[in-house]
Amino acid sequence: MNRMFACNYTLADVITMLTQLLLLWVTILTMPIAYVDAGWKEKKVVRKTDEQRLLEKLLHGYESYSRPVFNASESVEVKFGITLTTISDMDEVNQVLTTNVWLEQEWVDERLKWNPADYNNLVVMRMPCEKIWLPDIVLYNSADDYTAGYMQSKAMVDHNGTVFWPPPAKFRSSCKIDITFFPFDDQVCKMKFGSWAYDGFQLNMTSRNEKVDMSNYVFSGEWDLLSIDIVRNEKFYGCCPEPYPDVTFYLRIRRRTLYYLINVIFPCLWLSILSLLGFWLPPDSGEKITLGITVLLAFSVFMLLIAENMPATSDFVPLIGIYLTMTMAMTSLSIVLTVFVLQLHHASPNQKPVPEWVKRIVFGVLARITGMRGAITTTGPYHLHDDIVKDDVCLTTFLENDNNENATCNGGFQIQVDSVHHNNASQDRLNRTHSMRGSLRHLHNNHNSENKGMTYDKISKHLKLLVQKQDFEDQYLEIVNEWRLVACVIDRFLFWTFLLITTVSTLTILVIVPIVKNSSF
């Protein structure tokens, strides 16, 4: 019994061993935790950069909603300017100007100052703009809503507290369009910038530069930029006694006219020439009215095209619209006058002779003006052949011999036919006269064989009817030719009149007025 107990551990030994095992087990379990904790402490000791330390210092306790001045009675002076990059579009219908600009805003934030020596000579710091105070400057005459804001670009902060924030922006500003001289027009559009909530005692807005920076400007294909003027204004509203300053930029632009010359002006000139050519068409062609109506429809299409690109306003009337309207009126009048000329040319069988006062005006005045006086005296209806066709018909020779067929008697008829040069109808009358003369000779030669049943009175009656018919046809053709010549002279006079009006109106509206406007602008 004693020997067995001697081989066993005592109770104290057992407790000691268990304690050692427990300590060993605890040590094994706590070794990874100690290693991780040591690594964490080692990471937390990483060194901060100068900008990080400065940023933490400047933004510690910084409130971006309060003005950056320690004295509330002082105003923040904001220097404002723009750098124009492009003129994207000019919407004449909605009267909106679209531009791309770089804003230039500069002010002093008294809370953002530091000593560069404490931060390794760090002079300028780029900071997120949403972390600092920004002026609430907006475009007053914006055509869009005011909630879009600017691009959240970084602000450049100097060690003396000067903040420069140049966000790029695209503005759509309302612009009153003056289309009087379209397409030779110049426009003046303004861009008015100012604080929306602060008055002049809290935020004093001034111009940063005397001139707008144009070094990055990209030229527009539709507009030429003439100048940009900068004006600072102070306006007082009825609600508040404080002044509200603003900086307004006046953009003077001029439309480039090459596109409109090729696509609008020159086609209008060609149509005007076509409307004049209608007076040169012969009345018998039947195309004078057709040409006039076609030109009138073409002018109507041009009017619709121009109206689509113009604002629906009654304040201004474009020159090109006035020109097209006047040309359409002249074309319509030419159609009416062409109908009148055709009415004169195509005389009715019951047409009366040309009155003497009409002859004096048309053949005396208008023909001299148009240079047709010589044509009337040489080829007109009053110029007759020098050779007058005469045929003496002696009915008393029926009882004489055949050898006396050429004898002259007192009871003869003299048939006289006047022929107009270049007149087929007159030639027909000559042919009918010669045929009549041959018939008379045939009757004379055969009167001995056919004298039965033939009397002198019957032959005389038939011959008188033939002569009366011949005289009626000659008189009718002479009246018709006179009216046709009147129509020709009037048609030529209308051509020169419309040519003069078209030339004067075109030079005045499309050349002289734009030149005078550009010289006085």
Protein backbone atom coordinates (compact mmCIF):
# COMPACT_ATOMS: atom_id res chain seq x y z
CA MET A 1 0.00 0.00 0.00
CA ASN A 2 2.77 2.43 0.86
CA ARG A 3 4.72 1.33 -2.21
CA MET A 4 1.80 2.16 -4.57
CA PHE A 5 1.26 5.54 -3.05
CA ALA A 6 4.94 6.29 -3.37
CA CYS A 7 4.72 5.78 -7.17
CA ASN A 8 1.83 8.16 -7.53
CA TYR A 9 1.93 11.96 -7.66
CA THR A 10 0.91 13.92 -4.77
CA LEU A 11 -2.09 16.17 -4.96
CA ALA A 12 0.09 19.23 -5.05
CA ASP A 13 2.02 17.89 -8.01
CA VAL A 14 -1.17 17.23 -9.90
CA ILE A 15 -2.42 20.74 -9.29
CA THR A 16 0.91 22.17 -10.40
CA MET A 17 0.88 20.19 -13.60
CA LEU A 18 -2.68 21.20 -14.44
CA THR A 19 -1.80 24.82 -13.85
CA GLN A 20 1.15 24.60 -16.20
CA LEU A 21 -0.95 22.95 -18.90
CA LEU A 22 -3.59 25.66 -18.55
CA LEU A 23 -1.00 28.40 -18.85
CA LEU A 24 0.48 26.72 -21.89
CA TRP A 25 -2.93 26.48 -23.51
CA VAL A 26 -3.73 30.13 -22.80
CA THR A 27 -0.36 31.18 -24.20
CA ILE A 28 -0.96 29.28 -27.39
CA LEU A 29 -4.41 30.87 -27.84
CA THR A 30 -3.28 34.45 -27.20
CA MET A 31 -0.24 34.45 -29.48
CA PRO A 32 -2.19 35.25 -32.79
CA ILE A 33 -4.16 38.04 -31.11
CA ALA A 34 -0.98 39.64 -29.84
CA TYR A 35 0.55 39.39 -33.31
CA VAL A 36 -2.47 41.00 -34.98
CA ASP A 37 -2.58 43.74 -32.38
CA ALA A 38 1.11 44.43 -32.86
CA GLY A 39 0.60 44.67 -36.65
CA TRP A 40 -2.36 47.03 -36.20
CA LYS A 41 -0.35 49.29 -33.96
CA GLU A 42 2.45 49.22 -36.49
CA LYS A 43 0.02 50.30 -39.28
CA LYS A 44 -1.47 53.13 -37.28
CA VAL A 45 1.90 54.68 -37.01
CA VAL A 46 1.97 55.44 -40.87
CA ARG A 47 3.20 58.98 -41.59
CA LYS A 48 0.72 61.56 -43.00
CA THR A 49 1.51 63.74 -46.02
CA ASP A 50 1.81 67.50 -45.82
CA GLU A 51 -1.36 68.05 -47.85
CA GLN A 52 -3.25 65.58 -45.68
CA ARG A 53 -2.17 67.30 -42.51
CA LEU A 54 -2.99 70.70 -43.96
CA LEU A 55 -6.38 69.55 -45.21
CA GLU A 56 -7.26 68.12 -41.82
CA LYS A 57 -6.18 71.33 -40.15
CA LEU A 58 -8.10 73.63 -42.49
CA LEU A 59 -11.32 71.63 -42.51
CA HIS A 60 -11.34 70.94 -38.80
CA GLY A 61 -14.43 72.72 -37.56
CA TYR A 62 -14.97 74.38 -40.97
CA GLU A 63 -18.59 75.20 -41.86
CA SER A 64 -19.22 75.64 -45.59
CA TYR A 65 -22.57 77.39 -45.11
CA SER A 66 -21.17 80.49 -43.39
CA ARG A 67 -19.46 83.37 -45.16
CA PRO A 68 -15.65 83.23 -45.01
CA VAL A 69 -15.19 86.37 -42.90
CA PHE A 70 -14.71 86.65 -39.16
CA ASN A 71 -16.39 90.04 -38.98
CA ALA A 72 -20.03 89.75 -40.02
CA SER A 73 -20.18 93.44 -41.01
CA GLU A 74 -17.61 92.93 -43.74
CA SER A 75 -18.56 91.82 -47.26
CA VAL A 76 -16.90 89.13 -49.29
CA GLU A 77 -15.43 90.60 -52.46
CA VAL A 78 -15.83 88.14 -55.31
CA LYS A 79 -13.96 88.84 -58.53
CA PHE A 80 -15.86 87.29 -61.42
CA GLY A 81 -14.88 86.65 -65.03
CA ILE A 82 -15.35 84.19 -67.88
CA THR A 83 -13.24 82.56 -70.57
CA LEU A 84 -15.37 82.02 -73.68
CA THR A 85 -14.56 78.79 -75.52
CA THR A 86 -17.35 78.34 -78.09
CA ILE A 87 -20.67 79.71 -79.29
CA SER A 88 -22.51 76.45 -79.73
CA ASP A 89 -25.85 77.58 -81.10
CA MET A 90 -28.19 80.49 -81.64
CA ASP A 91 -31.81 79.37 -81.59
CA GLU A 92 -33.64 82.19 -83.38
CA VAL A 93 -37.06 80.61 -82.94
CA ASN A 94 -36.77 80.27 -79.14
CA GLN A 95 -34.33 83.22 -78.85
CA VAL A 96 -31.73 81.26 -76.86
CA LEU A 97 -27.93 81.57 -77.07
CA THR A 98 -25.87 78.52 -76.10
CA THR A 99 -22.25 79.09 -75.04
CA ASN A 100 -19.46 77.09 -73.42
CA VAL A 101 -17.40 79.08 -70.90
CA TRP A 102 -14.92 78.66 -68.08
CA LEU A 103 -15.98 80.62 -65.05
CA GLU A 104 -13.39 82.57 -63.06
CA GLN A 105 -14.36 83.23 -59.43
CA GLU A 106 -11.87 84.55 -56.92
CA TRP A 107 -12.35 85.58 -53.26
CA VAL A 108 -10.54 85.50 -49.91
CA ASP A 109 -11.48 82.93 -47.28
CA GLU A 110 -10.07 84.08 -43.95
CA ARG A 111 -10.40 80.57 -42.50
CA LEU A 112 -8.18 78.98 -45.15
CA LYS A 113 -4.79 80.47 -44.24
CA TRP A 114 -1.60 78.70 -43.17
CA ASN A 115 2.12 79.13 -42.84
CA PRO A 116 3.86 77.39 -45.77
CA ALA A 117 6.95 76.74 -43.62
CA ASP A 118 4.92 74.38 -41.43
CA TYR A 119 3.98 72.25 -44.42
CA ASN A 120 7.22 71.93 -46.33
CA ASN A 121 6.67 75.24 -48.22
CA LEU A 122 3.25 74.19 -49.53
CA VAL A 123 1.86 77.39 -51.07
CA VAL A 124 -1.22 76.28 -53.09
CA MET A 125 -3.67 73.61 -52.08
CA ARG A 126 -6.32 71.92 -54.28
CA MET A 127 -9.43 71.31 -52.26
CA PRO A 128 -12.82 69.76 -53.07
CA CYS A 129 -15.24 72.58 -53.76
CA GLU A 130 -18.06 70.88 -51.86
CA LYS A 131 -16.00 71.14 -48.64
CA ILE A 132 -15.64 74.94 -48.65
CA TRP A 133 -17.85 78.00 -48.98
CA LEU A 134 -18.79 78.94 -52.56
CA PRO A 135 -20.54 82.08 -53.81
CA ASP A 136 -24.07 81.46 -55.09
CA ILE A 137 -23.53 83.21 -58.42
CA VAL A 138 -26.03 82.29 -61.13
CA LEU A 139 -26.91 83.39 -64.65
CA TYR A 140 -29.89 85.69 -64.21
CA ASN A 141 -31.17 85.43 -67.81
CA SER A 142 -30.81 81.67 -68.01
CA ALA A 143 -33.17 79.80 -70.34
CA ASP A 144 -32.77 76.61 -68.25
CA ASP A 145 -33.53 75.89 -64.63
CA TYR A 146 -31.17 77.01 -61.89
CA THR A 147 -30.77 73.58 -60.27
CA ALA A 148 -28.19 72.19 -62.68
CA GLY A 149 -25.25 73.97 -61.02
CA TYR A 150 -21.66 73.87 -62.17
CA MET A 151 -19.17 71.06 -62.52
CA GLN A 152 -17.78 70.07 -59.10
CA SER A 153 -14.18 70.90 -59.95
CA LYS A 154 -11.49 71.46 -57.34
CA ALA A 155 -10.78 74.91 -55.97
CA MET A 156 -7.24 76.29 -55.77
CA VAL A 157 -6.52 77.80 -52.34
CA ASP A 158 -3.48 80.00 -51.73
CA HIS A 159 -1.74 80.14 -48.34
CA ASN A 160 -3.00 83.72 -47.83
CA GLY A 161 -6.61 82.54 -48.09
CA THR A 162 -7.22 83.47 -51.74
CA VAL A 163 -9.56 80.95 -53.37
CA PHE A 164 -9.80 80.55 -57.16
CA TRP A 165 -12.55 78.34 -58.52
CA PRO A 166 -12.71 77.88 -62.35
CA PRO A 167 -15.55 75.44 -63.14
CA PRO A 168 -16.45 74.87 -66.82
CA ALA A 169 -20.11 75.37 -67.67
CA LYS A 170 -22.54 75.36 -70.59
CA PHE A 171 -25.07 78.19 -70.49
CA ARG A 172 -28.31 78.70 -72.39
CA SER A 173 -29.11 82.38 -72.02
CA SER A 174 -32.19 84.16 -73.31
CA CYS A 175 -31.39 86.72 -76.00
CA LYS A 176 -33.79 89.09 -77.74
CA ILE A 177 -33.22 88.54 -81.45
CA ASP A 178 -33.45 91.45 -83.90
CA ILE A 179 -34.11 89.85 -87.30
CA THR A 180 -34.61 93.10 -89.21
CA PHE A 181 -31.48 92.65 -91.33
CA PHE A 182 -31.61 88.85 -91.60
CA PRO A 183 -29.46 87.25 -93.00
CA PHE A 184 -27.11 90.25 -92.69
CA ASP A 185 -27.93 90.76 -89.02
CA ASP A 186 -25.83 91.50 -85.94
CA GLN A 187 -27.02 90.40 -82.53
CA VAL A 188 -26.19 91.66 -79.04
CA CYS A 189 -26.74 89.03 -76.36
CA LYS A 190 -26.05 89.59 -72.69
CA MET A 191 -25.06 87.18 -69.93
CA LYS A 192 -25.92 88.64 -66.53
CA PHE A 193 -24.25 87.02 -63.50
CA GLY A 194 -24.98 87.85 -59.89
CA SER A 195 -25.52 86.44 -56.41
CA TRP A 196 -28.96 85.00 -55.85
CA ALA A 197 -29.22 85.38 -52.05
CA TYR A 198 -26.51 87.80 -50.90
CA ASP A 199 -26.86 91.55 -51.27
CA GLY A 200 -24.05 93.96 -51.98
CA PHE A 201 -23.27 94.44 -48.29
CA GLN A 202 -22.61 90.72 -47.87
CA LEU A 203 -21.13 89.84 -51.27
CA ASN A 204 -19.58 92.54 -53.40
CA MET A 205 -19.23 91.31 -56.97
CA THR A 206 -16.68 92.92 -59.31
CA SER A 207 -15.09 92.13 -62.66
CA ARG A 208 -11.90 90.09 -62.46
CA ASN A 209 -10.49 91.33 -65.80
CA GLU A 210 -11.06 94.29 -68.06
CA LYS A 211 -11.35 92.02 -71.10
CA VAL A 212 -12.57 88.49 -71.66
CA ASP A 213 -9.89 85.90 -72.28
CA MET A 214 -10.25 84.71 -75.91
CA SER A 215 -7.12 82.57 -76.12
CA ASN A 216 -9.15 79.34 -76.02
CA TYR A 217 -12.01 80.49 -78.24
CA VAL A 218 -13.00 78.16 -81.10
CA PHE A 219 -14.57 80.02 -84.04
CA SER A 220 -18.16 79.25 -84.94
CA GLY A 221 -19.24 78.28 -88.44
CA GLU A 222 -22.39 80.40 -88.24
CA TRP A 223 -21.42 83.44 -86.17
CA ASP A 224 -18.46 85.81 -86.00
CA LEU A 225 -17.67 87.22 -82.56
CA LEU A 226 -17.13 90.97 -82.89
CA SER A 227 -16.54 92.00 -79.28
CA ILE A 228 -17.39 91.34 -75.63
CA ASP A 229 -18.03 94.24 -73.28
CA ILE A 230 -18.03 93.91 -69.48
CA VAL A 231 -20.30 96.12 -67.38
CA ARG A 232 -20.78 96.07 -63.60
CA ASN A 233 -24.21 97.17 -62.39
CA GLU A 234 -25.86 97.77 -59.06
CA LYS A 235 -29.59 97.33 -59.02
CA PHE A 236 -32.04 98.18 -56.27
CA TYR A 237 -35.21 96.12 -55.97
CA GLY A 238 -38.44 97.25 -54.40
CA CYS A 239 -38.30 94.60 -51.72
CA CYS A 240 -34.94 95.54 -50.27
CA PRO A 241 -32.95 98.74 -49.71
CA GLU A 242 -29.62 96.99 -50.24
CA PRO A 243 -27.91 97.07 -53.64
CA TYR A 244 -27.55 93.89 -55.66
CA PRO A 245 -24.43 94.02 -57.85
CA ASP A 246 -24.01 92.02 -61.02
CA VAL A 247 -21.47 91.63 -63.81
CA THR A 248 -22.97 91.60 -67.31
CA PHE A 249 -21.18 90.46 -70.46
CA TYR A 250 -22.44 91.84 -73.79
CA LEU A 251 -21.60 89.56 -76.72
CA ARG A 252 -21.77 91.22 -80.15
CA ILE A 253 -21.96 88.62 -82.88
CA ARG A 254 -22.50 88.81 -86.65
CA ARG A 255 -24.10 86.14 -88.80
CA ARG A 256 -21.94 84.60 -91.51
CA THR A 257 -23.93 85.02 -94.72
CA LEU A 258 -22.31 82.60 -97.18
CA TYR A 259 -24.74 79.79 -96.37
CA TYR A 260 -27.77 82.04 -96.79
CA LEU A 261 -26.40 83.62 -99.97
CA ILE A 262 -26.13 80.23 -101.64
CA ASN A 263 -29.33 78.70 -100.30
CA VAL A 264 -31.69 81.69 -100.01
CA ILE A 265 -30.54 84.92 -101.70
CA PHE A 266 -29.29 83.57 -105.03
CA PRO A 267 -32.33 81.30 -105.61
CA CYS A 268 -34.56 84.31 -104.95
CA LEU A 269 -32.64 86.29 -107.56
CA TRP A 270 -32.99 83.48 -110.11
CA LEU A 271 -36.72 83.31 -109.48
CA SER A 272 -36.98 87.07 -109.94
CA ILE A 273 -35.23 86.73 -113.30
CA LEU A 274 -37.62 83.95 -114.30
CA SER A 275 -40.59 86.14 -113.46
CA LEU A 276 -39.16 88.81 -115.80
CA LEU A 277 -38.65 86.33 -118.62
CA GLY A 278 -42.39 85.77 -118.68
CA PHE A 279 -42.78 89.10 -120.48
CA TRP A 280 -40.57 87.85 -123.32
CA LEU A 281 -42.64 84.76 -124.03
CA PRO A 282 -44.79 85.10 -127.17
CA PRO A 283 -48.49 85.43 -126.32
CA ASP A 284 -49.34 82.58 -128.68
CA SER A 285 -47.14 80.14 -126.72
CA GLY A 286 -49.70 79.82 -123.94
CA GLU A 287 -47.02 79.55 -121.22
CA LYS A 288 -46.87 83.11 -119.91
CA ILE A 289 -49.37 82.58 -117.08
CA THR A 290 -48.02 79.09 -116.33
CA LEU A 291 -44.52 80.45 -115.79
CA GLY A 292 -45.78 83.25 -113.55
CA ILE A 293 -47.80 80.90 -111.34
CA THR A 294 -44.85 78.48 -111.05
CA VAL A 295 -42.54 81.28 -109.91
CA LEU A 296 -45.17 82.48 -107.44
CA LEU A 297 -45.41 79.01 -105.90
CA ALA A 298 -41.61 78.83 -105.61
CA PHE A 299 -41.56 82.13 -103.74
CA SER A 300 -44.24 80.80 -101.40
CA VAL A 301 -42.04 77.80 -100.57
CA PHE A 302 -39.12 80.11 -99.76
CA MET A 303 -41.36 82.17 -97.50
CA LEU A 304 -42.32 79.05 -95.56
CA LEU A 305 -38.67 77.98 -95.18
CA ILE A 306 -37.66 81.37 -93.83
CA ALA A 307 -40.66 81.54 -91.50
CA GLU A 308 -39.61 78.24 -89.89
CA ASN A 309 -36.27 79.74 -88.84
CA MET A 310 -37.61 83.04 -87.58
CA PRO A 311 -39.14 83.80 -84.16
CA ALA A 312 -42.88 84.30 -84.10
CA THR A 313 -42.67 87.96 -83.16
CA SER A 314 -44.24 91.13 -84.51
CA ASP A 315 -41.49 93.41 -83.22
CA PHE A 316 -39.22 92.98 -86.25
CA VAL A 317 -39.75 92.12 -89.91
CA PRO A 318 -36.72 90.64 -91.74
CA LEU A 319 -35.44 92.28 -94.90
CA ILE A 320 -35.50 88.99 -96.77
CA GLY A 321 -39.17 88.64 -95.84
CA ILE A 322 -39.88 92.12 -97.17
CA TYR A 323 -37.97 91.30 -100.35
CA LEU A 324 -39.82 88.03 -100.91
CA THR A 325 -43.19 89.63 -100.18
CA MET A 326 -42.50 92.46 -102.62
CA THR A 327 -41.29 90.03 -105.28
CA MET A 328 -44.36 87.85 -104.79
CA ALA A 329 -46.55 90.93 -105.13
CA MET A 330 -44.76 91.90 -108.34
CA THR A 331 -45.10 88.36 -109.68
CA SER A 332 -48.82 88.36 -108.89
CA LEU A 333 -49.18 91.75 -110.57
CA SER A 334 -47.28 90.47 -113.60
CA ILE A 335 -49.75 87.59 -113.89
CA VAL A 336 -52.66 90.02 -113.81
CA LEU A 337 -51.02 92.25 -116.42
CA THR A 338 -50.19 89.22 -118.54
CA VAL A 339 -53.88 88.34 -118.60
CA PHE A 340 -54.57 91.91 -119.74
CA VAL A 341 -51.94 91.67 -122.49
CA LEU A 342 -53.30 88.33 -123.68
CA GLN A 343 -56.77 89.86 -123.79
CA LEU A 344 -55.45 92.61 -126.07
CA HIS A 345 -53.54 90.14 -128.21
CA HIS A 346 -56.42 87.76 -128.82
CA ALA A 347 -59.01 90.25 -130.10
CA SER A 348 -62.60 89.12 -130.53
CA PRO A 349 -64.40 89.36 -133.91
CA ASN A 350 -66.41 92.29 -132.59
CA GLN A 351 -63.33 94.16 -131.41
CA LYS A 352 -63.49 97.90 -131.96
CA PRO A 353 -60.59 99.78 -133.54
CA VAL A 354 -57.83 101.09 -131.31
CA PRO A 355 -58.87 104.49 -129.94
CA GLU A 356 -56.79 107.45 -130.97
CA TRP A 357 -55.77 108.28 -127.40
CA VAL A 358 -54.50 104.73 -126.97
CA LYS A 359 -52.48 105.07 -130.15
CA ARG A 360 -50.95 108.32 -128.95
CA ILE A 361 -49.98 106.82 -125.58
CA VAL A 362 -48.82 103.41 -126.78
CA PHE A 363 -47.32 104.22 -130.18
CA GLY A 364 -46.21 107.72 -129.30
CA VAL A 365 -44.91 107.47 -125.72
CA LEU A 366 -44.44 103.85 -124.67
CA ALA A 367 -42.96 102.79 -128.00
CA ARG A 368 -40.41 105.59 -127.78
CA ILE A 369 -39.51 104.62 -124.19
CA THR A 370 -39.06 100.94 -125.04
CA GLY A 371 -37.22 101.61 -128.31
CA MET A 372 -39.94 100.12 -130.53
CA ARG A 373 -40.77 103.32 -132.43
CA GLY A 374 -38.74 102.28 -135.46
CA ALA A 375 -40.31 98.83 -135.51
CA ILE A 376 -43.80 100.34 -135.60
CA THR A 377 -43.06 102.69 -138.51
CA THR A 378 -41.45 99.96 -140.62
CA THR A 379 -43.36 96.80 -139.77
CA GLY A 380 -46.49 98.06 -138.07
CA PRO A 381 -50.05 97.71 -139.36
CA TYR A 382 -49.89 101.18 -140.90
CA HIS A 383 -47.03 100.34 -143.29
CA LEU A 384 -48.41 99.16 -146.63
CA HIS A 385 -46.92 97.61 -149.69
CA ASP A 386 -45.66 100.11 -152.21
CA ASP A 387 -47.20 97.95 -154.88
CA ILE A 388 -50.97 98.18 -154.65
CA VAL A 389 -52.82 95.38 -156.34
CA LYS A 390 -55.31 96.90 -158.68
CA ASP A 391 -57.75 95.19 -160.88
CA ASP A 392 -60.23 97.09 -163.03
CA VAL A 393 -63.20 95.04 -163.87
CA CYS A 394 -65.14 96.44 -166.75
CA LEU A 395 -68.52 94.90 -166.97
CA THR A 396 -69.42 96.92 -170.05
CA THR A 397 -66.96 94.93 -172.18
CA PHE A 398 -69.12 91.84 -172.08
CA LEU A 399 -70.66 92.90 -175.35
CA GLU A 400 -67.33 93.84 -176.98
CA ASN A 401 -64.85 91.73 -178.87
CA ASP A 402 -62.29 89.50 -177.23
CA ASN A 403 -59.56 91.80 -178.46
CA ASN A 404 -60.98 94.61 -176.36
CA GLU A 405 -60.83 92.74 -173.06
CA ASN A 406 -58.30 95.21 -171.67
CA ALA A 407 -60.35 98.28 -172.49
CA THR A 408 -61.27 100.66 -169.71
CA CYS A 409 -64.85 101.68 -169.06
CA ASN A 410 -66.57 104.05 -166.66
CA GLY A 411 -68.55 101.46 -164.79
CA GLY A 412 -65.63 99.42 -163.57
CA PHE A 413 -64.81 98.36 -159.97
CA GLN A 414 -61.36 98.90 -158.49
CA ILE A 415 -60.33 96.24 -155.98
CA GLN A 416 -57.49 97.49 -153.80
CA VAL A 417 -55.77 95.13 -151.33
CA ASP A 418 -53.30 96.45 -148.75
CA SER A 419 -50.87 93.87 -147.54
CA VAL A 420 -48.92 94.05 -144.28
CA HIS A 421 -45.40 92.78 -144.22
CA HIS A 422 -44.91 89.30 -142.70
CA ASN A 423 -48.67 88.67 -142.53
CA ASN A 424 -50.01 85.39 -143.85
CA ALA A 425 -53.55 86.66 -143.79
CA SER A 426 -52.61 89.51 -146.15
CA GLN A 427 -50.98 87.03 -148.50
CA ASP A 428 -54.21 85.03 -148.49
CA ARG A 429 -56.09 88.17 -149.44
CA LEU A 430 -53.74 88.70 -152.39
CA ASN A 431 -54.27 85.14 -153.54
CA ARG A 432 -58.01 85.56 -153.31
CA THR A 433 -57.77 88.82 -155.32
CA HIS A 434 -55.78 87.19 -158.09
CA SER A 435 -58.28 84.34 -158.14
CA MET A 436 -61.11 86.86 -158.41
CA ARG A 437 -59.35 88.61 -161.27
CA GLY A 438 -58.91 85.32 -163.11
CA SER A 439 -62.56 84.48 -162.61
CA LEU A 440 -63.59 87.84 -164.04
CA ARG A 441 -61.41 87.36 -167.09
CA HIS A 442 -62.82 83.88 -167.50
CA LEU A 443 -66.32 85.29 -167.42
CA HIS A 444 -65.30 87.99 -169.89
CA ASN A 445 -63.71 85.54 -172.30
CA ASN A 446 -66.71 83.27 -172.24
CA HIS A 447 -69.48 85.83 -172.15
CA ASN A 448 -70.32 85.35 -175.83
CA SER A 449 -70.92 81.63 -175.32
CA GLU A 450 -72.73 81.95 -172.02
CA ASN A 451 -74.60 85.17 -172.48
CA LYS A 452 -77.91 83.45 -172.22
CA GLY A 453 -79.43 83.86 -168.76
CA MET A 454 -76.59 86.14 -167.65
CA THR A 455 -77.34 89.76 -167.03
CA TYR A 456 -75.19 92.63 -166.08
CA ASP A 457 -77.05 93.32 -162.81
CA LYS A 458 -76.64 89.77 -161.51
CA ILE A 459 -72.91 89.75 -162.12
CA SER A 460 -72.55 93.18 -160.56
CA LYS A 461 -74.41 92.06 -157.44
CA HIS A 462 -72.17 89.07 -156.86
CA LEU A 463 -69.05 91.06 -157.41
CA LYS A 464 -70.14 93.70 -154.91
CA LEU A 465 -70.70 91.01 -152.29
CA LEU A 466 -67.23 89.62 -152.87
CA VAL A 467 -65.68 93.06 -152.62
CA GLN A 468 -67.58 93.83 -149.40
CA LYS A 469 -66.46 90.56 -147.85
CA GLN A 470 -62.90 91.27 -148.85
CA ASP A 471 -63.06 94.77 -147.34
CA PHE A 472 -64.54 93.40 -144.09
CA GLU A 473 -61.77 90.84 -143.72
CA ASP A 474 -59.13 93.46 -144.44
CA GLN A 475 -60.62 95.82 -141.88
CA TYR A 476 -60.88 93.06 -139.23
CA LEU A 477 -57.30 91.92 -139.74
CA GLU A 478 -56.08 95.50 -139.58
CA ILE A 479 -57.86 95.99 -136.22
CA VAL A 480 -56.48 92.70 -134.89
CA ASN A 481 -52.95 93.61 -135.93
CA GLU A 482 -53.25 97.01 -134.30
CA TRP A 483 -54.36 95.46 -130.99
CA ARG A 484 -51.59 92.88 -131.19
CA LEU A 485 -49.03 95.61 -131.68
CA VAL A 486 -50.51 97.49 -128.72
CA ALA A 487 -50.17 94.32 -126.63
CA CYS A 488 -46.57 93.86 -127.78
CA VAL A 489 -45.59 97.42 -126.85
CA ILE A 490 -47.30 97.18 -123.44
CA ASP A 491 -45.65 93.82 -122.79
CA ARG A 492 -42.23 95.26 -123.57
CA PHE A 493 -42.91 98.33 -121.44
CA LEU A 494 -43.94 96.11 -118.50
CA PHE A 495 -40.74 94.12 -118.86
CA TRP A 496 -38.52 97.19 -118.57
CA THR A 497 -40.65 98.57 -115.72
CA PHE A 498 -40.48 95.34 -113.71
CA LEU A 499 -36.77 95.00 -114.48
CA LEU A 500 -36.13 98.48 -113.09
CA ILE A 501 -38.22 97.85 -109.96
CA THR A 502 -36.60 94.45 -109.34
CA THR A 503 -33.08 95.82 -109.78
CA VAL A 504 -33.65 98.83 -107.53
CA SER A 505 -35.37 96.80 -104.81
CA THR A 506 -32.72 94.08 -104.89
CA LEU A 507 -29.84 96.53 -104.66
CA THR A 508 -31.57 98.55 -101.95
CA ILE A 509 -32.73 95.72 -99.71
CA LEU A 510 -29.95 93.18 -100.18
CA VAL A 511 -26.91 95.41 -100.78
CA ILE A 512 -27.25 99.06 -99.76
CA VAL A 513 -29.15 98.59 -96.49
CA PRO A 514 -26.75 95.90 -95.10
CA ILE A 515 -23.72 98.01 -96.07
CA VAL A 516 -25.13 101.09 -94.36
CA LYS A 517 -26.03 99.02 -91.31
CA ASN A 518 -22.56 97.51 -91.03
CA SER A 519 -20.88 100.90 -91.38
CA SER A 520 -23.01 102.40 -88.61
CA PHE A 521 -22.82 99.43 -86.23
